Amino acid sequence: MFKRIGNFLMQHNKSIAECFDLIDTNQSETIAIEDLQRALIRFQLGLSDKHLKMFMGRLQTAGKPYITKCEFLHRFWAAYTYEEDHAAEG
């Protein structure tokens, strides 16, 4: 899932920070699940609601219905590299 999104970013020459900015259309410096749902539809990645919830769950802090830009950058990169490392092992 993170690899698919990472590949999308590379294909469109976007950084993780630029990805956050594309999702955060109201420039609140936070992303709610609804923001993410709208963005993934726009990006046409074909992720299911289940994948969307898993994605957001990996990024956000428990109990918060949103994620900050700093959290997004750090956690996205950690999850992306984790998937990359485990894909190389398999």
N, C-alpha and C. Protein backbone atom coordinates (compact mmCIF):
# COMPACT_ATOMS: atom_id res chain seq x y z
N MET A 1 0.82 -1.19 0.00
CA MET A 1 0.00 0.00 0.00
C MET A 1 0.87 1.26 0.00
N PHE A 2 1.84 1.33 0.91
CA PHE A 2 2.74 2.49 0.94
C PHE A 2 3.62 2.50 -0.30
N LYS A 3 3.99 1.32 -0.76
CA LYS A 3 4.81 1.23 -1.98
C LYS A 3 4.03 1.75 -3.18
N ARG A 4 2.74 1.40 -3.26
CA ARG A 4 1.90 1.86 -4.37
C ARG A 4 1.82 3.39 -4.37
N ILE A 5 1.63 3.96 -3.20
CA ILE A 5 1.56 5.42 -3.10
C ILE A 5 2.92 6.04 -3.39
N GLY A 6 3.99 5.42 -2.88
CA GLY A 6 5.34 5.90 -3.17
C GLY A 6 5.65 5.88 -4.65
N ASN A 7 5.22 4.81 -5.33
CA ASN A 7 5.42 4.72 -6.79
C ASN A 7 4.65 5.82 -7.51
N PHE A 8 3.43 6.09 -7.05
CA PHE A 8 2.64 7.18 -7.63
C PHE A 8 3.40 8.50 -7.50
N LEU A 9 3.97 8.75 -6.31
CA LEU A 9 4.71 9.99 -6.09
C LEU A 9 5.92 10.08 -7.02
N MET A 10 6.65 8.98 -7.15
CA MET A 10 7.82 9.00 -8.03
C MET A 10 7.42 9.25 -9.48
N GLN A 11 6.34 8.60 -9.93
CA GLN A 11 5.88 8.77 -11.31
C GLN A 11 5.48 10.22 -11.59
N HIS A 12 4.98 10.90 -10.57
CA HIS A 12 4.54 12.28 -10.74
C HIS A 12 5.55 13.29 -10.19
N ASN A 13 6.76 12.79 -9.90
CA ASN A 13 7.86 13.64 -9.44
C ASN A 13 7.45 14.49 -8.23
N LYS A 14 6.84 13.83 -7.23
CA LYS A 14 6.38 14.52 -6.03
C LYS A 14 7.09 13.95 -4.81
N SER A 15 7.36 14.80 -3.86
CA SER A 15 7.94 14.36 -2.59
C SER A 15 6.82 13.98 -1.63
N ILE A 16 7.16 13.39 -0.51
CA ILE A 16 6.16 13.06 0.51
C ILE A 16 5.52 14.34 1.04
N ALA A 17 6.31 15.38 1.21
CA ALA A 17 5.76 16.67 1.67
C ALA A 17 4.77 17.23 0.65
N GLU A 18 5.10 17.12 -0.62
CA GLU A 18 4.17 17.59 -1.66
C GLU A 18 2.90 16.75 -1.67
N CYS A 19 3.04 15.47 -1.39
CA CYS A 19 1.87 14.60 -1.29
C CYS A 19 0.96 15.08 -0.17
N PHE A 20 1.54 15.39 0.98
CA PHE A 20 0.74 15.90 2.09
C PHE A 20 0.00 17.16 1.66
N ASP A 21 0.70 18.06 0.99
CA ASP A 21 0.08 19.32 0.56
C ASP A 21 -1.05 19.09 -0.45
N LEU A 22 -0.91 18.07 -1.30
CA LEU A 22 -1.98 17.74 -2.24
C LEU A 22 -3.22 17.22 -1.51
N ILE A 23 -3.00 16.51 -0.42
CA ILE A 23 -4.10 15.95 0.36
C ILE A 23 -4.74 17.02 1.24
N ASP A 24 -3.92 17.88 1.80
CA ASP A 24 -4.39 18.93 2.73
C ASP A 24 -4.90 20.13 1.94
N THR A 25 -6.03 19.97 1.29
CA THR A 25 -6.54 21.00 0.39
C THR A 25 -6.99 22.27 1.11
N ASN A 26 -7.33 22.17 2.40
CA ASN A 26 -7.74 23.37 3.14
C ASN A 26 -6.57 24.02 3.88
N GLN A 27 -5.37 23.49 3.67
CA GLN A 27 -4.13 24.03 4.23
C GLN A 27 -4.18 24.17 5.75
N SER A 28 -4.76 23.16 6.41
CA SER A 28 -4.88 23.16 7.87
C SER A 28 -3.64 22.57 8.54
N GLU A 29 -2.71 22.02 7.74
CA GLU A 29 -1.52 21.34 8.24
C GLU A 29 -1.87 20.05 8.97
N THR A 30 -3.09 19.54 8.74
CA THR A 30 -3.51 18.23 9.23
C THR A 30 -4.30 17.54 8.13
N ILE A 31 -4.35 16.22 8.22
CA ILE A 31 -5.14 15.43 7.28
C ILE A 31 -6.09 14.57 8.11
N ALA A 32 -7.36 14.66 7.78
CA ALA A 32 -8.37 13.79 8.37
C ALA A 32 -8.63 12.64 7.41
N ILE A 33 -9.28 11.61 7.88
CA ILE A 33 -9.57 10.46 7.04
C ILE A 33 -10.36 10.86 5.79
N GLU A 34 -11.23 11.84 5.94
CA GLU A 34 -12.02 12.30 4.79
C GLU A 34 -11.13 12.96 3.74
N ASP A 35 -10.14 13.72 4.19
CA ASP A 35 -9.18 14.33 3.26
C ASP A 35 -8.44 13.25 2.48
N LEU A 36 -8.04 12.23 3.19
CA LEU A 36 -7.29 11.14 2.58
C LEU A 36 -8.16 10.37 1.59
N GLN A 37 -9.41 10.13 1.94
CA GLN A 37 -10.32 9.43 1.03
C GLN A 37 -10.47 10.21 -0.27
N ARG A 38 -10.70 11.50 -0.16
CA ARG A 38 -10.86 12.33 -1.37
C ARG A 38 -9.59 12.31 -2.22
N ALA A 39 -8.46 12.39 -1.58
CA ALA A 39 -7.19 12.41 -2.31
C ALA A 39 -6.94 11.10 -3.03
N LEU A 40 -7.19 9.99 -2.37
CA LEU A 40 -6.94 8.70 -3.00
C LEU A 40 -7.86 8.47 -4.19
N ILE A 41 -9.05 9.01 -4.12
CA ILE A 41 -9.94 8.96 -5.29
C ILE A 41 -9.35 9.80 -6.42
N ARG A 42 -8.87 11.00 -6.08
CA ARG A 42 -8.24 11.88 -7.09
C ARG A 42 -7.01 11.23 -7.69
N PHE A 43 -6.21 10.56 -6.86
CA PHE A 43 -4.98 9.93 -7.33
C PHE A 43 -5.25 8.65 -8.13
N GLN A 44 -6.47 8.14 -8.07
CA GLN A 44 -6.88 6.93 -8.79
C GLN A 44 -5.96 5.74 -8.51
N LEU A 45 -5.74 5.48 -7.23
CA LEU A 45 -4.87 4.37 -6.83
C LEU A 45 -5.62 3.06 -6.65
N GLY A 46 -6.94 3.13 -6.62
CA GLY A 46 -7.72 1.91 -6.49
C GLY A 46 -7.62 1.23 -5.14
N LEU A 47 -7.40 1.99 -4.08
CA LEU A 47 -7.34 1.41 -2.74
C LEU A 47 -8.75 1.29 -2.17
N SER A 48 -9.02 0.18 -1.52
CA SER A 48 -10.32 -0.03 -0.90
C SER A 48 -10.44 0.78 0.39
N ASP A 49 -11.66 0.86 0.91
CA ASP A 49 -11.86 1.54 2.20
C ASP A 49 -11.05 0.85 3.29
N LYS A 50 -10.96 -0.47 3.22
CA LYS A 50 -10.16 -1.22 4.20
C LYS A 50 -8.70 -0.78 4.15
N HIS A 51 -8.15 -0.69 2.93
CA HIS A 51 -6.76 -0.25 2.78
C HIS A 51 -6.58 1.19 3.25
N LEU A 52 -7.55 2.01 2.95
CA LEU A 52 -7.50 3.40 3.38
C LEU A 52 -7.43 3.49 4.90
N LYS A 53 -8.29 2.73 5.58
CA LYS A 53 -8.28 2.74 7.04
C LYS A 53 -6.98 2.20 7.60
N MET A 54 -6.44 1.15 6.97
CA MET A 54 -5.15 0.60 7.41
C MET A 54 -4.05 1.65 7.22
N PHE A 55 -4.07 2.33 6.08
CA PHE A 55 -3.09 3.36 5.77
C PHE A 55 -3.14 4.46 6.82
N MET A 56 -4.34 4.97 7.08
CA MET A 56 -4.50 6.04 8.06
C MET A 56 -4.12 5.54 9.46
N GLY A 57 -4.49 4.31 9.77
CA GLY A 57 -4.14 3.74 11.07
C GLY A 57 -2.65 3.65 11.30
N ARG A 58 -1.89 3.35 10.24
CA ARG A 58 -0.43 3.28 10.36
C ARG A 58 0.17 4.67 10.53
N LEU A 59 -0.54 5.69 10.08
CA LEU A 59 0.02 7.04 10.12
C LEU A 59 -0.38 7.83 11.36
N GLN A 60 -1.62 7.70 11.80
CA GLN A 60 -2.09 8.59 12.86
C GLN A 60 -1.79 8.07 14.26
N THR A 61 -1.82 8.98 15.21
CA THR A 61 -1.65 8.66 16.62
C THR A 61 -2.99 8.19 17.16
N ALA A 62 -2.97 7.16 17.98
CA ALA A 62 -4.21 6.61 18.55
C ALA A 62 -5.02 7.71 19.23
N GLY A 63 -6.31 7.71 18.95
CA GLY A 63 -7.20 8.67 19.58
C GLY A 63 -7.36 9.99 18.85
N LYS A 64 -6.51 10.24 17.85
CA LYS A 64 -6.62 11.48 17.08
C LYS A 64 -7.24 11.17 15.72
N PRO A 65 -8.27 11.92 15.31
CA PRO A 65 -8.90 11.66 14.01
C PRO A 65 -8.17 12.32 12.84
N TYR A 66 -6.96 12.76 13.06
CA TYR A 66 -6.19 13.45 12.03
C TYR A 66 -4.71 13.16 12.24
N ILE A 67 -3.91 13.54 11.27
CA ILE A 67 -2.46 13.43 11.37
C ILE A 67 -1.83 14.75 10.94
N THR A 68 -0.79 15.16 11.65
CA THR A 68 -0.10 16.41 11.31
C THR A 68 0.90 16.14 10.18
N LYS A 69 1.37 17.21 9.59
CA LYS A 69 2.34 17.09 8.49
C LYS A 69 3.62 16.40 8.96
N CYS A 70 4.12 16.79 10.12
CA CYS A 70 5.35 16.19 10.65
C CYS A 70 5.16 14.69 10.88
N GLU A 71 4.04 14.32 11.47
CA GLU A 71 3.74 12.90 11.71
C GLU A 71 3.64 12.15 10.38
N PHE A 72 2.96 12.75 9.42
CA PHE A 72 2.78 12.13 8.11
C PHE A 72 4.13 11.86 7.45
N LEU A 73 5.00 12.86 7.43
CA LEU A 73 6.30 12.71 6.78
C LEU A 73 7.11 11.60 7.44
N HIS A 74 7.17 11.62 8.74
CA HIS A 74 7.97 10.64 9.48
C HIS A 74 7.40 9.23 9.34
N ARG A 75 6.11 9.09 9.57
CA ARG A 75 5.50 7.76 9.57
C ARG A 75 5.35 7.19 8.17
N PHE A 76 5.08 8.03 7.17
CA PHE A 76 4.99 7.53 5.81
C PHE A 76 6.34 6.96 5.39
N TRP A 77 7.39 7.70 5.63
CA TRP A 77 8.73 7.24 5.23
C TRP A 77 9.09 5.95 5.96
N ALA A 78 8.80 5.86 7.26
CA ALA A 78 9.11 4.66 8.03
C ALA A 78 8.34 3.45 7.48
N ALA A 79 7.06 3.63 7.18
CA ALA A 79 6.24 2.53 6.65
C ALA A 79 6.68 2.16 5.24
N TYR A 80 6.99 3.15 4.42
CA TYR A 80 7.42 2.89 3.05
C TYR A 80 8.72 2.09 3.03
N THR A 81 9.68 2.49 3.84
CA THR A 81 10.96 1.78 3.85
C THR A 81 10.81 0.40 4.49
N TYR A 82 9.89 0.25 5.44
CA TYR A 82 9.61 -1.05 6.03
C TYR A 82 9.08 -2.00 4.96
N GLU A 83 8.12 -1.54 4.16
CA GLU A 83 7.58 -2.36 3.07
C GLU A 83 8.66 -2.70 2.06
N GLU A 84 9.49 -1.71 1.75
CA GLU A 84 10.58 -1.91 0.78
C GLU A 84 11.55 -2.99 1.28
N ASP A 85 11.94 -2.91 2.56
CA ASP A 85 12.87 -3.88 3.13
C ASP A 85 12.28 -5.27 3.13
N HIS A 86 10.99 -5.39 3.48
CA HIS A 86 10.37 -6.70 3.55
C HIS A 86 10.06 -7.28 2.17
N ALA A 87 9.87 -6.43 1.18
CA ALA A 87 9.68 -6.93 -0.18
C ALA A 87 10.98 -7.54 -0.70
N ALA A 88 12.11 -6.94 -0.32
CA ALA A 88 13.41 -7.43 -0.75
C ALA A 88 13.73 -8.79 -0.10
N GLU A 89 13.20 -9.00 1.13
CA GLU A 89 13.44 -10.26 1.82
C GLU A 89 12.66 -11.41 1.21
N GLY A 90 11.47 -11.09 0.67
CA GLY A 90 10.56 -12.14 0.19
C GLY A 90 10.84 -12.50 -1.18
